[in-house]
Amino acid sequence: MSQPSFLFSSSPHVHGGDSVPKVMRTVIWALMPATAFSVFTFGWPALLVILITILSCVVAEHVVQKMRQRASTLDDQSAALTGLLLALTLPPYSPWWVCVVGGVFAIVVAKQLYGGLGYNMFNPALIARVFLLISFPVELTSWPAVNPLLGEHSYTLSQAIIIIFGGGPAALGMNLDALTAATPLGQYRMQVGLGKSVEEALGGAYAFNYQDAATGLIGGSLGETSALLLALGGGYLLYRRLITWHIPVSMILGCVVPAAIMQIIDSGHYPGPIFHLLTGGLLIGAFFMATDMVTSPVTKNGQLIFGAGCGLLTYIIRTWGGYPEGVSFAVVLMNCTVPLIDEYTRPAVYGKPKDKKAKA
């Protein structure tokens, strides 16, 4: 059963002539360069994480529709997109059960309990990621070092299966400390918290450099691997007019402007805007998460407010919060404000006062 067209005709992100499957396919294709590079960067385990998460979402969607005695909605490909987005927020060696629990939560709790596609209050992939991070902090904050698919020490497919289904690299008799590496944001927060400067935190043996951050040869979740490819995918969505510039630009500015201000105030303890732009999930959040047509405002002014709020909250959480990364929390929190933003930014109907009190 096809989805009703009003899901898209009412949104400024998508033209009413585009069908749901077409839109979902376009977003999936926009994510393919970054997804493929994440598999190249972390090898077969990353591919298994992506496939398991997508399959979990697709199966959960099918089962729920059957239980509700409704026709399957798998052909709209929204479940597959949710699975892909969720997978890109996960560590490359996430255990299989984390992928399954996250996928089921995203579809059953975050989407179907609200009524299905078009009725969910929160971005399903992000609220599932927040749920996983709070519930399983160890599994969600274990970051492997870069180990390219074609590298000298890359895992074979059979080794990858043991890692994902058998208990991680330790199941292969490997030393975990030698295989893990802090993300740039995690390294910055930990070392500066110990009293070191930004230069000391990111220099030395850690040897952070912006070229690796831009190309993707750094640790992090699967969707943090290549800023350039994520920007390329976002640019493709803008070119196809599936999103507008308002949320991505305002979210990026909402994060990098306070970063620039704080760097001017104290460059020894606060990294600059380029660091925040190229590391973490800011770009995938700005182009692919915050722009979700169902959970973002419908007006242009509302989108600017929403995006700026997402960016500012991201910076605040990264800098002073309890987690080194804040994109997921920021977008989910701003999802809560969408009805209020829409209420105060919607245009008045011509010849009709916006405020009900004005009628009296």
Protein backbone atom coordinates (compact mmCIF):
# COMPACT_ATOMS: atom_id res chain seq x y z
CA MET A 1 0.00 0.00 0.00
CA SER A 2 1.51 3.30 -1.05
CA GLN A 3 1.95 6.09 1.46
CA PRO A 4 -0.35 9.14 1.22
CA SER A 5 1.07 11.96 -0.85
CA PHE A 6 0.31 14.59 1.79
CA LEU A 7 3.32 13.37 3.74
CA PHE A 8 5.45 15.21 1.25
CA SER A 9 3.27 17.91 -0.26
CA SER A 10 3.04 19.57 3.15
CA SER A 11 6.79 19.71 3.66
CA PRO A 12 9.15 22.34 2.27
CA HIS A 13 11.89 19.74 1.90
CA VAL A 14 10.24 17.60 -0.75
CA HIS A 15 8.16 18.37 -3.78
CA GLY A 16 4.75 16.69 -3.86
CA GLY A 17 5.55 15.00 -7.18
CA ASP A 18 8.18 12.75 -5.61
CA SER A 19 6.97 9.39 -4.35
CA VAL A 20 8.06 8.01 -0.99
CA PRO A 21 10.20 5.19 -2.48
CA LYS A 22 11.90 7.61 -4.87
CA VAL A 23 12.81 9.98 -2.06
CA MET A 24 14.11 7.16 0.14
CA ARG A 25 16.17 5.72 -2.69
CA THR A 26 17.68 9.11 -3.43
CA VAL A 27 18.76 9.59 0.18
CA ILE A 28 20.20 6.07 0.27
CA TRP A 29 22.19 6.76 -2.88
CA ALA A 30 23.43 10.04 -1.40
CA LEU A 31 24.77 8.07 1.57
CA MET A 32 26.46 5.41 -0.54
CA PRO A 33 29.88 7.13 -1.02
CA ALA A 34 30.35 7.67 2.72
CA THR A 35 28.96 4.20 3.49
CA ALA A 36 31.30 2.51 1.03
CA PHE A 37 34.26 4.42 2.41
CA SER A 38 33.38 3.41 5.96
CA VAL A 39 33.54 -0.23 4.85
CA PHE A 40 36.89 0.44 3.18
CA THR A 41 38.15 2.13 6.37
CA PHE A 42 37.10 -0.59 8.84
CA GLY A 43 36.73 -3.67 6.67
CA TRP A 44 34.31 -6.59 6.73
CA PRO A 45 33.05 -6.02 10.31
CA ALA A 46 31.66 -2.64 9.26
CA LEU A 47 29.78 -4.20 6.35
CA LEU A 48 28.24 -6.80 8.67
CA VAL A 49 27.10 -4.07 11.09
CA ILE A 50 25.40 -2.22 8.23
CA LEU A 51 23.69 -5.32 6.83
CA ILE A 52 22.50 -6.61 10.22
CA THR A 53 21.07 -3.24 11.23
CA ILE A 54 19.24 -2.75 7.94
CA LEU A 55 17.88 -6.31 8.05
CA SER A 56 16.69 -5.83 11.64
CA CYS A 57 14.76 -2.70 10.67
CA VAL A 58 13.23 -4.32 7.59
CA VAL A 59 12.14 -7.45 9.48
CA ALA A 60 10.75 -5.40 12.38
CA GLU A 61 8.74 -3.27 9.94
CA HIS A 62 7.30 -6.33 8.21
CA VAL A 63 6.38 -8.07 11.48
CA VAL A 64 4.67 -5.00 12.94
CA GLN A 65 2.64 -4.45 9.79
CA LYS A 66 1.55 -8.08 9.87
CA MET A 67 0.56 -7.81 13.53
CA ARG A 68 -1.48 -4.70 12.73
CA GLN A 69 -3.07 -6.60 9.83
CA ARG A 70 -1.91 -4.01 7.37
CA ALA A 71 -0.25 -4.35 4.00
CA SER A 72 3.53 -4.44 3.94
CA THR A 73 5.25 -1.06 3.63
CA LEU A 74 8.67 -2.44 2.79
CA ASP A 75 8.37 -1.16 -0.77
CA ASP A 76 8.59 2.45 0.45
CA GLN A 77 12.18 1.67 1.61
CA SER A 78 11.87 3.89 4.68
CA ALA A 79 12.80 0.98 6.98
CA ALA A 80 15.94 0.30 4.97
CA LEU A 81 16.93 3.97 5.15
CA THR A 82 16.34 4.00 8.91
CA GLY A 83 18.56 0.94 9.25
CA LEU A 84 21.32 2.51 7.18
CA LEU A 85 21.23 5.77 9.14
CA LEU A 86 21.27 3.90 12.44
CA ALA A 87 24.18 1.73 11.31
CA LEU A 88 26.16 4.84 10.41
CA THR A 89 25.83 6.08 14.00
CA LEU A 90 27.27 2.84 15.45
CA PRO A 91 30.88 1.84 16.15
CA PRO A 92 32.38 -0.31 13.36
CA TYR A 93 32.65 -3.45 15.52
CA SER A 94 29.25 -3.25 17.23
CA PRO A 95 28.03 -6.66 18.45
CA TRP A 96 25.22 -8.19 16.42
CA TRP A 97 22.73 -7.89 19.26
CA VAL A 98 23.32 -4.14 19.53
CA CYS A 99 22.43 -3.80 15.84
CA VAL A 100 19.28 -5.91 16.30
CA VAL A 101 18.10 -4.16 19.47
CA GLY A 102 18.71 -0.75 17.89
CA GLY A 103 16.90 -1.67 14.69
CA VAL A 104 13.87 -3.07 16.50
CA PHE A 105 13.69 -0.05 18.81
CA ALA A 106 13.92 2.38 15.88
CA ILE A 107 11.04 0.75 14.01
CA VAL A 108 8.75 -0.52 16.76
CA VAL A 109 9.11 2.17 19.42
CA ALA A 110 10.28 5.27 17.57
CA LYS A 111 8.19 4.82 14.42
CA GLN A 112 5.31 2.34 14.54
CA LEU A 113 4.05 3.16 18.04
CA TYR A 114 3.46 6.69 16.79
CA GLY A 115 1.46 5.42 13.84
CA GLY A 116 4.10 4.71 11.22
CA LEU A 117 5.80 6.82 8.59
CA GLY A 118 4.82 10.45 8.79
CA TYR A 119 3.60 10.41 12.39
CA ASN A 120 6.77 9.86 14.41
CA MET A 121 7.86 12.69 16.69
CA PHE A 122 11.56 11.81 16.76
CA ASN A 123 14.02 10.76 14.10
CA PRO A 124 13.87 6.95 14.52
CA ALA A 125 17.57 6.31 13.85
CA LEU A 126 18.74 9.00 16.26
CA ILE A 127 16.38 8.17 19.12
CA ALA A 128 17.46 4.54 18.75
CA ARG A 129 21.09 5.60 18.90
CA VAL A 130 20.42 7.63 22.06
CA PHE A 131 18.64 4.62 23.58
CA LEU A 132 21.60 2.35 22.78
CA LEU A 133 24.15 4.83 24.10
CA ILE A 134 22.35 5.19 27.42
CA SER A 135 21.62 1.47 27.74
CA PHE A 136 24.93 0.03 26.52
CA PRO A 137 27.60 2.73 26.98
CA VAL A 138 30.58 0.35 26.76
CA GLU A 139 29.55 -1.15 23.42
CA LEU A 140 28.63 2.27 22.02
CA THR A 141 31.92 3.92 23.01
CA SER A 142 34.42 1.25 21.94
CA TRP A 143 36.21 2.68 18.93
CA PRO A 144 38.59 0.53 16.88
CA ALA A 145 41.59 2.00 15.15
CA VAL A 146 41.45 2.37 11.38
CA ASN A 147 42.02 -1.00 9.69
CA PRO A 148 41.38 -0.69 5.94
CA LEU A 149 39.67 -3.48 4.04
CA LEU A 150 42.69 -3.97 1.80
CA GLY A 151 45.29 -3.24 4.46
CA GLU A 152 48.09 -5.52 5.60
CA HIS A 153 46.31 -6.41 8.85
CA SER A 154 42.73 -6.37 7.58
CA TYR A 155 40.31 -8.99 8.85
CA THR A 156 39.02 -11.74 6.62
CA LEU A 157 35.27 -12.27 6.32
CA SER A 158 35.43 -15.27 8.66
CA GLN A 159 37.31 -13.19 11.25
CA ALA A 160 34.76 -10.40 10.88
CA ILE A 161 31.94 -12.87 11.59
CA ILE A 162 33.72 -13.93 14.79
CA ILE A 163 34.18 -10.29 15.82
CA ILE A 164 30.53 -9.34 15.30
CA PHE A 165 28.89 -12.58 16.46
CA GLY A 166 31.50 -14.01 18.80
CA GLY A 167 32.52 -11.27 21.21
CA GLY A 168 34.74 -8.80 19.39
CA PRO A 169 38.45 -8.92 18.50
CA ALA A 170 39.13 -10.55 21.88
CA ALA A 171 37.46 -13.68 20.49
CA LEU A 172 40.38 -13.88 18.06
CA GLY A 173 42.88 -13.69 20.92
CA MET A 174 43.84 -10.10 20.16
CA ASN A 175 44.80 -7.39 22.64
CA LEU A 176 41.94 -4.88 22.75
CA ASP A 177 44.16 -2.03 23.96
CA ALA A 178 46.28 -2.35 20.84
CA LEU A 179 43.24 -2.28 18.56
CA THR A 180 41.29 0.66 19.99
CA ALA A 181 41.78 4.37 19.52
CA ALA A 182 39.93 7.37 20.91
CA THR A 183 37.94 9.51 18.51
CA PRO A 184 39.28 13.06 18.04
CA LEU A 185 36.42 14.47 20.11
CA GLY A 186 36.94 11.85 22.82
CA GLN A 187 40.69 12.46 22.85
CA TYR A 188 40.17 16.21 23.15
CA ARG A 189 37.65 15.94 25.98
CA MET A 190 39.67 13.40 27.95
CA GLN A 191 43.05 15.11 27.68
CA VAL A 192 41.83 18.66 28.20
CA GLY A 193 39.93 17.36 31.22
CA LEU A 194 43.31 16.22 32.57
CA GLY A 195 44.64 19.76 32.27
CA LYS A 196 46.37 19.55 28.88
CA SER A 197 46.07 22.10 26.12
CA VAL A 198 44.35 21.39 22.82
CA GLU A 199 47.73 21.18 21.09
CA GLU A 200 49.00 18.67 23.63
CA ALA A 201 45.78 16.67 23.53
CA LEU A 202 45.64 16.27 19.76
CA GLY A 203 49.38 16.25 19.07
CA GLY A 204 52.15 13.92 20.14
CA ALA A 205 51.46 10.23 19.71
CA TYR A 206 47.82 10.85 18.80
CA ALA A 207 48.91 12.96 15.82
CA PHE A 208 45.54 14.33 14.76
CA ASN A 209 45.55 16.10 11.41
CA TYR A 210 42.80 17.77 9.43
CA GLN A 211 43.57 15.93 6.20
CA ASP A 212 42.74 12.55 7.75
CA ALA A 213 39.60 14.04 9.32
CA ALA A 214 38.44 15.39 5.97
CA THR A 215 39.12 12.19 4.04
CA GLY A 216 37.90 9.86 6.79
CA LEU A 217 40.98 8.01 8.03
CA ILE A 218 40.09 8.54 11.70
CA GLY A 219 38.29 6.56 14.36
CA GLY A 220 34.64 7.07 15.10
CA SER A 221 31.23 5.76 14.14
CA LEU A 222 30.69 4.57 10.58
CA GLY A 223 29.05 7.89 9.65
CA GLU A 224 31.93 10.00 10.93
CA THR A 225 34.54 8.65 8.57
CA SER A 226 34.63 11.10 5.67
CA ALA A 227 33.54 14.72 5.95
CA LEU A 228 34.13 15.28 2.24
CA LEU A 229 31.94 12.38 1.11
CA LEU A 230 29.17 13.33 3.53
CA ALA A 231 29.27 16.89 2.21
CA LEU A 232 29.15 15.47 -1.32
CA GLY A 233 26.05 13.45 -0.46
CA GLY A 234 24.45 16.46 1.19
CA GLY A 235 25.19 18.55 -1.87
CA TYR A 236 23.48 15.91 -4.01
CA LEU A 237 20.32 16.17 -1.88
CA LEU A 238 20.41 19.94 -2.27
CA TYR A 239 20.87 19.56 -6.03
CA ARG A 240 17.90 17.20 -6.20
CA ARG A 241 15.93 19.69 -4.07
CA LEU A 242 15.00 17.04 -1.53
CA ILE A 243 16.28 19.34 1.20
CA THR A 244 16.83 23.08 1.39
CA TRP A 245 19.90 24.87 2.72
CA HIS A 246 18.18 26.28 5.79
CA ILE A 247 18.70 23.45 8.30
CA PRO A 248 22.18 22.26 7.18
CA VAL A 249 23.67 25.75 7.02
CA SER A 250 22.09 26.98 10.25
CA MET A 251 23.09 23.79 12.10
CA ILE A 252 26.69 24.02 10.94
CA LEU A 253 26.86 27.72 11.82
CA GLY A 254 25.18 27.02 15.15
CA CYS A 255 28.13 24.81 16.03
CA VAL A 256 31.12 26.46 14.39
CA VAL A 257 30.32 30.08 15.33
CA PRO A 258 30.45 29.45 19.11
CA ALA A 259 33.54 27.28 18.47
CA ALA A 260 35.23 30.25 16.77
CA ILE A 261 34.22 32.57 19.61
CA MET A 262 35.51 30.22 22.30
CA GLN A 263 38.76 29.68 20.42
CA ILE A 264 39.31 33.44 20.34
CA ILE A 265 38.62 33.62 24.08
CA ASP A 266 40.89 30.68 24.99
CA SER A 267 42.66 28.91 22.14
CA GLY A 268 44.56 26.73 24.59
CA HIS A 269 41.46 24.87 25.77
CA TYR A 270 38.95 25.18 22.92
CA PRO A 271 39.62 23.84 19.40
CA GLY A 272 38.54 25.92 16.45
CA PRO A 273 35.55 25.64 14.11
CA ILE A 274 37.28 23.45 11.51
CA PHE A 275 37.91 20.78 14.16
CA HIS A 276 34.22 20.68 15.07
CA LEU A 277 33.17 20.73 11.40
CA LEU A 278 35.32 17.80 10.31
CA THR A 279 35.06 15.53 13.35
CA GLY A 280 32.11 13.73 14.87
CA GLY A 281 28.70 13.52 13.27
CA LEU A 282 28.02 17.20 12.54
CA LEU A 283 27.84 16.82 8.76
CA ILE A 284 25.75 13.65 8.67
CA GLY A 285 23.50 15.21 11.28
CA ALA A 286 23.14 18.46 9.37
CA PHE A 287 22.42 16.95 5.95
CA PHE A 288 20.76 13.61 6.68
CA MET A 289 19.34 13.61 10.23
CA ALA A 290 18.10 17.07 11.14
CA THR A 291 16.50 17.51 7.71
CA ASP A 292 14.11 14.61 8.25
CA MET A 293 10.91 15.99 6.75
CA VAL A 294 8.65 14.48 9.40
CA THR A 295 10.52 15.69 12.48
CA SER A 296 11.64 19.17 11.37
CA PRO A 297 9.71 22.46 11.05
CA VAL A 298 7.69 23.24 7.94
CA THR A 299 8.53 26.94 7.64
CA LYS A 300 11.81 28.44 6.45
CA ASN A 301 12.21 30.60 9.56
CA GLY A 302 11.37 27.58 11.69
CA GLN A 303 14.04 25.53 9.94
CA LEU A 304 16.64 28.22 10.61
CA ILE A 305 15.74 28.26 14.31
CA PHE A 306 15.68 24.47 14.47
CA GLY A 307 19.03 24.06 12.73
CA ALA A 308 20.73 26.74 14.83
CA GLY A 309 19.41 25.06 17.98
CA CYS A 310 20.74 21.69 16.85
CA GLY A 311 24.17 23.17 16.15
CA LEU A 312 24.38 25.12 19.41
CA LEU A 313 23.29 22.15 21.52
CA THR A 314 25.82 19.99 19.69
CA TYR A 315 28.62 22.38 20.62
CA ILE A 316 27.45 22.74 24.23
CA ILE A 317 27.28 18.96 24.75
CA ARG A 318 30.62 18.39 23.04
CA THR A 319 32.35 21.05 25.10
CA TRP A 320 30.75 20.88 28.54
CA GLY A 321 28.36 17.91 28.53
CA GLY A 322 28.84 14.36 29.70
CA TYR A 323 29.50 12.98 26.20
CA PRO A 324 32.20 14.00 23.71
CA GLU A 325 29.66 13.92 20.86
CA GLY A 326 26.31 15.68 20.97
CA VAL A 327 24.65 15.51 17.54
CA SER A 328 22.19 12.72 18.40
CA PHE A 329 21.09 14.33 21.66
CA ALA A 330 20.89 17.77 20.06
CA VAL A 331 18.64 16.73 17.18
CA VAL A 332 16.37 14.62 19.40
CA LEU A 333 15.98 17.48 21.89
CA MET A 334 15.18 19.92 19.10
CA ASN A 335 12.64 17.43 17.68
CA CYS A 336 10.66 18.09 20.87
CA THR A 337 10.47 21.79 20.03
CA VAL A 338 9.17 21.41 16.47
CA PRO A 339 5.44 21.85 17.31
CA LEU A 340 6.26 25.01 19.24
CA ILE A 341 8.51 26.35 16.48
CA ASP A 342 5.82 25.67 13.88
CA GLU A 343 3.23 27.38 16.06
CA TYR A 344 5.18 30.62 16.28
CA THR A 345 6.66 30.72 12.76
CA ARG A 346 3.68 29.69 10.63
CA PRO A 347 2.38 32.51 8.42
CA ALA A 348 -1.02 33.99 9.15
CA VAL A 349 -3.80 33.12 6.73
CA TYR A 350 -4.59 36.10 4.53
CA GLY A 351 -7.44 38.11 6.00
CA LYS A 352 -7.48 36.03 9.16
CA PRO A 353 -5.72 37.02 12.39
CA LYS A 354 -3.05 34.56 13.56
CA ASP A 355 -3.81 35.06 17.23
CA LYS A 356 -7.21 33.76 18.30
CA LYS A 357 -7.45 36.55 20.84
CA ALA A 358 -7.34 39.05 18.02
CA LYS A 359 -10.70 37.80 16.77
CA ALA A 360 -12.38 39.07 19.87
